[in-house]
N, C-alpha and C. Protein backbone atom coordinates (compact mmCIF):
# COMPACT_ATOMS: atom_id res chain seq x y z
N VAL A 1 -123.48 10.87 94.57
CA VAL A 1 -122.67 10.04 95.40
C VAL A 1 -121.52 10.86 95.95
N SER A 2 -121.28 10.66 97.24
CA SER A 2 -120.18 11.35 97.92
C SER A 2 -119.56 10.39 98.93
N THR A 3 -118.37 10.70 99.30
CA THR A 3 -117.63 9.89 100.27
C THR A 3 -116.60 10.76 101.00
N GLU A 4 -116.20 10.34 102.12
CA GLU A 4 -115.12 10.98 102.86
C GLU A 4 -114.10 9.96 103.21
N PHE A 5 -112.82 10.33 103.21
CA PHE A 5 -111.76 9.41 103.56
C PHE A 5 -110.62 10.19 104.20
N GLN A 6 -109.87 9.52 105.06
CA GLN A 6 -108.77 10.08 105.70
C GLN A 6 -107.49 9.74 104.93
N VAL A 7 -106.63 10.71 104.71
CA VAL A 7 -105.33 10.47 104.13
C VAL A 7 -104.33 10.46 105.30
N LEU A 8 -103.85 9.22 105.56
CA LEU A 8 -102.99 8.98 106.80
C LEU A 8 -101.51 8.96 106.53
N THR A 9 -101.08 9.01 105.28
CA THR A 9 -99.66 8.96 104.98
C THR A 9 -99.32 10.09 104.06
N TYR A 10 -98.01 10.46 104.10
CA TYR A 10 -97.54 11.61 103.23
C TYR A 10 -97.25 11.04 101.84
N GLY A 11 -97.31 12.00 100.88
CA GLY A 11 -96.98 11.57 99.52
C GLY A 11 -98.12 11.83 98.58
N LYS A 12 -98.01 11.28 97.35
CA LYS A 12 -99.09 11.44 96.36
C LYS A 12 -100.04 10.26 96.44
N HIS A 13 -101.33 10.56 96.37
CA HIS A 13 -102.40 9.56 96.43
C HIS A 13 -103.34 9.78 95.22
N VAL A 14 -103.78 8.72 94.60
CA VAL A 14 -104.68 8.77 93.43
C VAL A 14 -105.97 8.11 93.79
N PHE A 15 -107.06 8.77 93.65
CA PHE A 15 -108.42 8.21 93.97
C PHE A 15 -109.17 8.26 92.68
N THR A 16 -109.93 7.19 92.38
CA THR A 16 -110.70 7.17 91.16
C THR A 16 -112.12 6.71 91.47
N CYS A 17 -112.98 7.08 90.59
CA CYS A 17 -114.43 6.65 90.78
C CYS A 17 -114.77 5.93 89.41
N LYS A 18 -115.28 4.69 89.52
CA LYS A 18 -115.54 3.96 88.36
C LYS A 18 -116.98 3.40 88.42
N ILE A 19 -117.62 3.13 87.31
CA ILE A 19 -118.91 2.51 87.24
C ILE A 19 -118.76 1.18 86.47
N VAL A 20 -119.68 0.30 86.74
CA VAL A 20 -119.72 -0.99 85.98
C VAL A 20 -120.84 -0.86 85.05
N CYS A 21 -120.55 -1.01 83.77
CA CYS A 21 -121.54 -0.87 82.73
C CYS A 21 -121.36 -2.05 81.79
N GLU A 22 -122.35 -2.92 81.64
CA GLU A 22 -122.25 -4.06 80.79
C GLU A 22 -121.05 -4.88 81.13
N TYR A 23 -120.77 -5.14 82.42
CA TYR A 23 -119.72 -5.96 82.93
C TYR A 23 -118.27 -5.33 82.63
N LYS A 24 -118.24 -4.07 82.29
CA LYS A 24 -116.92 -3.41 82.05
C LYS A 24 -116.91 -2.29 83.11
N LYS A 25 -115.69 -2.08 83.65
CA LYS A 25 -115.47 -0.85 84.52
C LYS A 25 -115.14 0.32 83.67
N LYS A 26 -115.73 1.42 84.00
CA LYS A 26 -115.46 2.66 83.27
C LYS A 26 -115.15 3.78 84.26
N LEU A 27 -113.97 4.43 83.95
CA LEU A 27 -113.53 5.52 84.82
C LEU A 27 -114.35 6.74 84.54
N ILE A 28 -114.91 7.33 85.58
CA ILE A 28 -115.74 8.53 85.37
C ILE A 28 -115.17 9.80 85.98
N CYS A 29 -114.30 9.62 87.00
CA CYS A 29 -113.69 10.74 87.56
C CYS A 29 -112.50 10.30 88.39
N GLY A 30 -111.66 11.23 88.86
CA GLY A 30 -110.55 10.91 89.72
C GLY A 30 -109.90 12.17 90.25
N ILE A 31 -109.04 12.06 91.26
CA ILE A 31 -108.34 13.15 91.82
C ILE A 31 -106.99 12.70 92.31
N ASP A 32 -105.91 13.52 92.12
CA ASP A 32 -104.63 13.31 92.68
C ASP A 32 -104.47 14.21 93.86
N ILE A 33 -104.10 13.71 95.02
CA ILE A 33 -103.86 14.51 96.23
C ILE A 33 -102.45 14.32 96.73
N GLU A 34 -101.78 15.38 97.04
CA GLU A 34 -100.47 15.34 97.66
C GLU A 34 -100.59 15.82 99.09
N SER A 35 -100.15 15.02 100.00
CA SER A 35 -100.17 15.42 101.45
C SER A 35 -98.81 15.46 101.99
N GLY A 36 -98.53 16.33 102.89
CA GLY A 36 -97.23 16.52 103.51
C GLY A 36 -97.23 17.57 104.64
N THR A 37 -96.15 18.03 104.89
CA THR A 37 -96.02 19.08 105.97
C THR A 37 -95.58 20.37 105.37
N ALA A 38 -96.03 21.49 106.03
CA ALA A 38 -95.63 22.80 105.58
C ALA A 38 -94.12 22.98 105.60
N PRO A 39 -93.57 23.62 104.60
CA PRO A 39 -92.11 23.82 104.60
C PRO A 39 -91.64 24.70 105.73
N ASP A 40 -90.43 24.40 106.26
CA ASP A 40 -89.82 25.31 107.24
C ASP A 40 -89.38 26.61 106.54
N GLU A 41 -89.22 27.64 107.34
CA GLU A 41 -88.65 28.88 106.77
C GLU A 41 -87.18 28.61 106.48
N PRO A 42 -86.66 28.95 105.25
CA PRO A 42 -85.27 28.65 104.93
C PRO A 42 -84.31 29.34 105.94
N ARG A 43 -83.19 28.67 106.25
CA ARG A 43 -82.19 29.20 107.18
C ARG A 43 -80.87 29.17 106.43
N ASN A 44 -79.97 29.97 107.03
CA ASN A 44 -78.56 30.08 106.48
C ASN A 44 -78.53 30.43 105.02
N VAL A 45 -79.36 31.39 104.60
CA VAL A 45 -79.40 31.85 103.18
C VAL A 45 -78.06 32.62 102.93
N SER A 46 -77.45 32.20 101.81
CA SER A 46 -76.20 32.78 101.37
C SER A 46 -76.23 32.97 99.86
N CYS A 47 -75.89 34.14 99.40
CA CYS A 47 -75.84 34.41 98.00
C CYS A 47 -74.49 35.08 97.58
N ILE A 48 -74.01 34.67 96.43
CA ILE A 48 -72.70 35.23 95.89
C ILE A 48 -72.91 35.57 94.45
N GLN A 49 -72.26 36.68 94.02
CA GLN A 49 -72.31 37.08 92.60
C GLN A 49 -70.88 37.48 92.28
N TYR A 50 -70.45 36.89 91.14
CA TYR A 50 -69.07 37.24 90.67
C TYR A 50 -69.17 38.30 89.62
N GLY A 51 -68.61 39.46 89.89
CA GLY A 51 -68.63 40.60 88.92
C GLY A 51 -69.94 41.32 88.92
N THR A 52 -69.97 42.44 88.26
CA THR A 52 -71.20 43.27 88.20
C THR A 52 -72.22 42.77 87.22
N GLU A 53 -71.77 41.88 86.36
CA GLU A 53 -72.76 41.32 85.32
C GLU A 53 -73.11 39.90 85.61
N GLY A 54 -72.55 39.31 86.63
CA GLY A 54 -72.89 37.94 86.92
C GLY A 54 -74.24 37.68 87.53
N HIS A 55 -74.70 36.47 87.46
CA HIS A 55 -75.97 36.05 88.09
C HIS A 55 -75.70 35.60 89.51
N PRO A 56 -76.49 36.03 90.40
CA PRO A 56 -76.25 35.53 91.84
C PRO A 56 -76.62 34.05 91.98
N THR A 57 -75.81 33.34 92.76
CA THR A 57 -76.05 31.97 93.11
C THR A 57 -76.23 31.86 94.57
N CYS A 58 -77.43 31.27 94.97
CA CYS A 58 -77.78 31.17 96.37
C CYS A 58 -77.91 29.79 96.84
N THR A 59 -77.69 29.61 98.13
CA THR A 59 -77.89 28.31 98.78
C THR A 59 -78.56 28.59 100.03
N TRP A 60 -79.24 27.57 100.65
CA TRP A 60 -79.90 27.68 101.95
C TRP A 60 -80.25 26.30 102.46
N ASP A 61 -80.49 26.26 103.76
CA ASP A 61 -80.97 25.08 104.43
C ASP A 61 -82.43 25.06 104.37
N LYS A 62 -83.10 24.16 103.69
CA LYS A 62 -84.50 24.17 103.47
C LYS A 62 -85.30 23.51 104.59
N GLY A 63 -84.65 22.87 105.55
CA GLY A 63 -85.28 22.33 106.67
C GLY A 63 -85.83 20.93 106.46
N ARG A 64 -86.90 20.54 107.16
CA ARG A 64 -87.39 19.12 107.12
C ARG A 64 -87.98 18.78 105.80
N LEU A 65 -88.09 17.50 105.51
CA LEU A 65 -88.65 16.97 104.37
C LEU A 65 -90.15 17.24 104.39
N THR A 66 -90.71 17.80 103.22
CA THR A 66 -92.16 18.13 103.23
C THR A 66 -93.03 17.10 102.64
N TYR A 67 -92.46 16.17 101.83
CA TYR A 67 -93.17 15.09 101.09
C TYR A 67 -94.07 15.65 100.01
N ILE A 68 -93.97 16.92 99.68
CA ILE A 68 -94.74 17.51 98.60
C ILE A 68 -93.76 18.33 97.72
N ASN A 69 -94.19 18.60 96.47
CA ASN A 69 -93.36 19.43 95.63
C ASN A 69 -93.35 20.85 96.22
N THR A 70 -92.11 21.33 96.58
CA THR A 70 -91.99 22.61 97.14
C THR A 70 -91.07 23.49 96.34
N ILE A 71 -91.49 24.70 96.03
CA ILE A 71 -90.71 25.58 95.23
C ILE A 71 -90.30 26.84 96.13
N TYR A 72 -89.08 27.15 96.09
CA TYR A 72 -88.48 28.25 96.87
C TYR A 72 -88.16 29.43 95.84
N VAL A 73 -88.53 30.63 96.25
CA VAL A 73 -88.22 31.79 95.40
C VAL A 73 -87.53 32.82 96.28
N ILE A 74 -86.40 33.35 95.79
CA ILE A 74 -85.68 34.40 96.54
C ILE A 74 -85.97 35.69 95.85
N GLN A 75 -86.42 36.71 96.59
CA GLN A 75 -86.74 38.01 96.08
C GLN A 75 -85.92 39.02 96.77
């Protein structure tokens, strides 16, 4: 069995596949899909470190809302 479907809205969507066995529904598989937009390139990146042993603290403008879990890493 296969199917195709369009995801027309942003966010997290849960799809499940069930069978009916002896008048009971039984979950046999499923998938979680997150849809959204690609993140913008960060702008106005600024980092500051107090002292030679301090940890740097950075801020930036991350741009538009992506509607998905987005992780930023500064290297």
